[in-house]
N, C-alpha and C. Protein backbone atom coordinates (compact mmCIF):
# COMPACT_ATOMS: atom_id res chain seq x y z
N MET A 1 11.84 2.06 -8.91
CA MET A 1 12.76 1.92 -7.54
C MET A 1 13.38 0.05 -7.60
N VAL A 2 14.35 0.82 -6.66
CA VAL A 2 14.76 -0.57 -6.70
C VAL A 2 15.15 -1.07 -5.22
N ILE A 3 14.71 -2.28 -4.59
CA ILE A 3 14.98 -2.46 -2.81
C ILE A 3 15.85 -3.90 -2.98
N ASN A 4 16.78 -3.62 -2.25
CA ASN A 4 17.50 -5.62 -2.47
C ASN A 4 16.88 -6.07 -1.19
N ILE A 5 16.11 -6.87 -1.78
CA ILE A 5 14.93 -7.73 -1.19
C ILE A 5 16.05 -9.27 -0.08
N ASP A 6 17.50 -9.34 -0.82
CA ASP A 6 18.23 -10.50 -0.76
C ASP A 6 17.76 -11.26 0.25
N LYS A 7 18.23 -10.66 1.78
CA LYS A 7 18.67 -10.88 3.32
C LYS A 7 16.99 -11.05 4.05
N ARG A 8 15.79 -9.98 2.99
CA ARG A 8 15.01 -10.42 3.89
C ARG A 8 13.82 -12.05 3.43
N LYS A 9 13.58 -11.74 4.46
CA LYS A 9 12.75 -12.81 5.12
C LYS A 9 10.84 -12.93 5.15
N LYS A 10 10.71 -11.58 4.79
CA LYS A 10 9.08 -11.23 4.40
C LYS A 10 9.07 -9.81 3.65
N LEU A 11 7.56 -9.20 2.94
CA LEU A 11 7.24 -8.24 3.24
C LEU A 11 6.03 -7.85 3.53
N ALA A 12 6.02 -6.75 4.03
CA ALA A 12 4.80 -6.58 4.26
C ALA A 12 3.00 -6.68 3.67
N PHE A 13 2.92 -6.51 1.62
CA PHE A 13 1.84 -6.86 1.57
C PHE A 13 2.26 -7.63 0.19
N ALA A 14 3.26 -8.38 0.11
CA ALA A 14 3.19 -9.53 -0.70
C ALA A 14 3.83 -10.69 -0.04
N ASP A 15 3.75 -12.25 -0.75
CA ASP A 15 4.45 -13.35 -0.38
C ASP A 15 6.15 -12.90 -1.09
N ILE A 16 6.69 -12.69 -0.25
CA ILE A 16 8.82 -13.20 -0.35
C ILE A 16 8.93 -14.11 -1.35
N THR A 17 8.21 -15.40 -1.52
CA THR A 17 8.40 -16.07 -2.18
C THR A 17 7.29 -16.06 -3.76
N LYS A 18 7.00 -15.49 -4.29
CA LYS A 18 6.22 -14.97 -5.35
C LYS A 18 7.20 -14.05 -5.62
N VAL A 19 7.52 -12.96 -5.21
CA VAL A 19 8.39 -12.15 -5.84
C VAL A 19 9.34 -12.52 -5.64
N ARG A 20 9.50 -13.07 -5.08
CA ARG A 20 11.65 -14.00 -5.65
C ARG A 20 11.15 -14.58 -7.36
N ASP A 21 10.52 -15.46 -7.29
CA ASP A 21 9.78 -16.38 -8.78
C ASP A 21 9.91 -15.86 -9.31
N SER A 22 8.96 -14.20 -9.46
CA SER A 22 8.29 -13.73 -10.71
C SER A 22 9.79 -12.39 -10.96
N LEU A 23 10.56 -11.95 -9.61
CA LEU A 23 11.93 -11.77 -10.50
C LEU A 23 13.02 -12.51 -11.32
N LYS A 24 12.45 -13.33 -10.55
CA LYS A 24 13.78 -14.14 -11.52
C LYS A 24 13.04 -14.90 -12.67
N VAL A 25 11.75 -14.54 -13.34
CA VAL A 25 11.56 -15.13 -14.51
C VAL A 25 10.99 -14.36 -15.73
N ASP A 26 10.78 -13.24 -14.39
CA ASP A 26 9.98 -12.09 -15.80
C ASP A 26 10.90 -10.95 -15.58
N GLY A 27 11.66 -11.04 -14.29
CA GLY A 27 12.65 -9.11 -14.31
C GLY A 27 11.63 -8.30 -13.79
N PHE A 28 10.38 -8.62 -13.61
CA PHE A 28 9.86 -7.59 -12.14
C PHE A 28 8.72 -8.06 -11.65
N TYR A 29 8.20 -7.15 -10.98
CA TYR A 29 7.21 -7.60 -9.85
C TYR A 29 6.30 -7.04 -9.61
N LEU A 30 4.64 -6.59 -10.00
CA LEU A 30 3.41 -5.28 -10.48
C LEU A 30 2.71 -6.14 -9.00
N GLN A 31 2.45 -5.37 -8.56
CA GLN A 31 1.82 -5.35 -7.35
C GLN A 31 0.84 -4.55 -7.57
N LEU A 32 -0.88 -4.72 -7.75
CA LEU A 32 -1.80 -3.76 -7.58
C LEU A 32 -2.80 -4.01 -6.55
N PRO A 33 -2.68 -2.45 -6.11
CA PRO A 33 -4.18 -2.84 -4.96
C PRO A 33 -5.61 -4.00 -5.04
N PRO A 34 -5.76 -4.61 -4.26
CA PRO A 34 -6.81 -5.67 -3.82
C PRO A 34 -8.13 -4.83 -4.62
N GLN A 35 -8.78 -5.24 -5.38
CA GLN A 35 -9.70 -4.83 -5.22
C GLN A 35 -11.16 -4.51 -4.21
N SER A 36 -12.02 -4.21 -4.16
CA SER A 36 -13.00 -3.55 -3.05
C SER A 36 -14.39 -4.53 -3.60
N ASP A 37 -14.47 -5.16 -2.53
CA ASP A 37 -15.94 -5.87 -3.08
C ASP A 37 -17.14 -4.83 -4.07
N VAL A 38 -17.37 -4.31 -2.99
CA VAL A 38 -18.18 -2.78 -3.24
C VAL A 38 -17.69 -3.12 -4.62
N THR A 39 -17.13 -2.48 -5.36
CA THR A 39 -16.53 -2.46 -6.68
C THR A 39 -16.88 -3.71 -7.62
N MET A 40 -16.96 -4.85 -7.16
CA MET A 40 -16.99 -6.07 -7.89
C MET A 40 -18.82 -5.63 -8.14
N GLN A 41 -19.16 -5.40 -6.48
CA GLN A 41 -20.72 -5.81 -6.60
C GLN A 41 -21.47 -4.60 -7.91
N HIS A 42 -21.49 -3.35 -8.02
CA HIS A 42 -21.44 -2.57 -8.25
C HIS A 42 -21.45 -3.15 -10.08
N ILE A 43 -19.97 -3.30 -10.32
CA ILE A 43 -19.66 -3.76 -12.03
C ILE A 43 -20.83 -4.46 -12.01
N ARG A 44 -21.18 -5.81 -11.43
CA ARG A 44 -21.73 -7.15 -11.29
C ARG A 44 -23.99 -6.54 -11.71
N VAL A 45 -24.00 -5.53 -11.16
CA VAL A 45 -25.27 -4.78 -11.05
C VAL A 45 -25.23 -4.40 -12.33
N ASN A 46 -24.09 -3.55 -12.87
CA ASN A 46 -24.68 -3.00 -13.85
C ASN A 46 -24.44 -3.78 -15.42
N ASN A 47 -23.61 -4.80 -15.30
CA ASN A 47 -23.45 -5.54 -16.22
C ASN A 47 -24.09 -7.03 -16.32
N THR A 48 -25.47 -6.84 -16.10
CA THR A 48 -26.27 -8.22 -15.52
C THR A 48 -26.21 -8.96 -17.35
N LYS A 49 -26.13 -8.21 -18.53
CA LYS A 49 -26.17 -8.64 -19.92
C LYS A 49 -24.67 -10.41 -20.07
N LEU A 50 -24.11 -10.18 -18.71
CA LEU A 50 -23.08 -10.98 -19.35
C LEU A 50 -23.08 -12.49 -18.98
């Protein structure tokens, strides 16, 4: 997907400065959904040996 962000001052779910920097340095920006705390609690309970 291609979106022109040159004139934008903000984005809905991402920091525009980080997005622009990532595009300049890496050539792409990858946005992942935030992990829920419930998921992390489940992982910690099942990985007590770590």
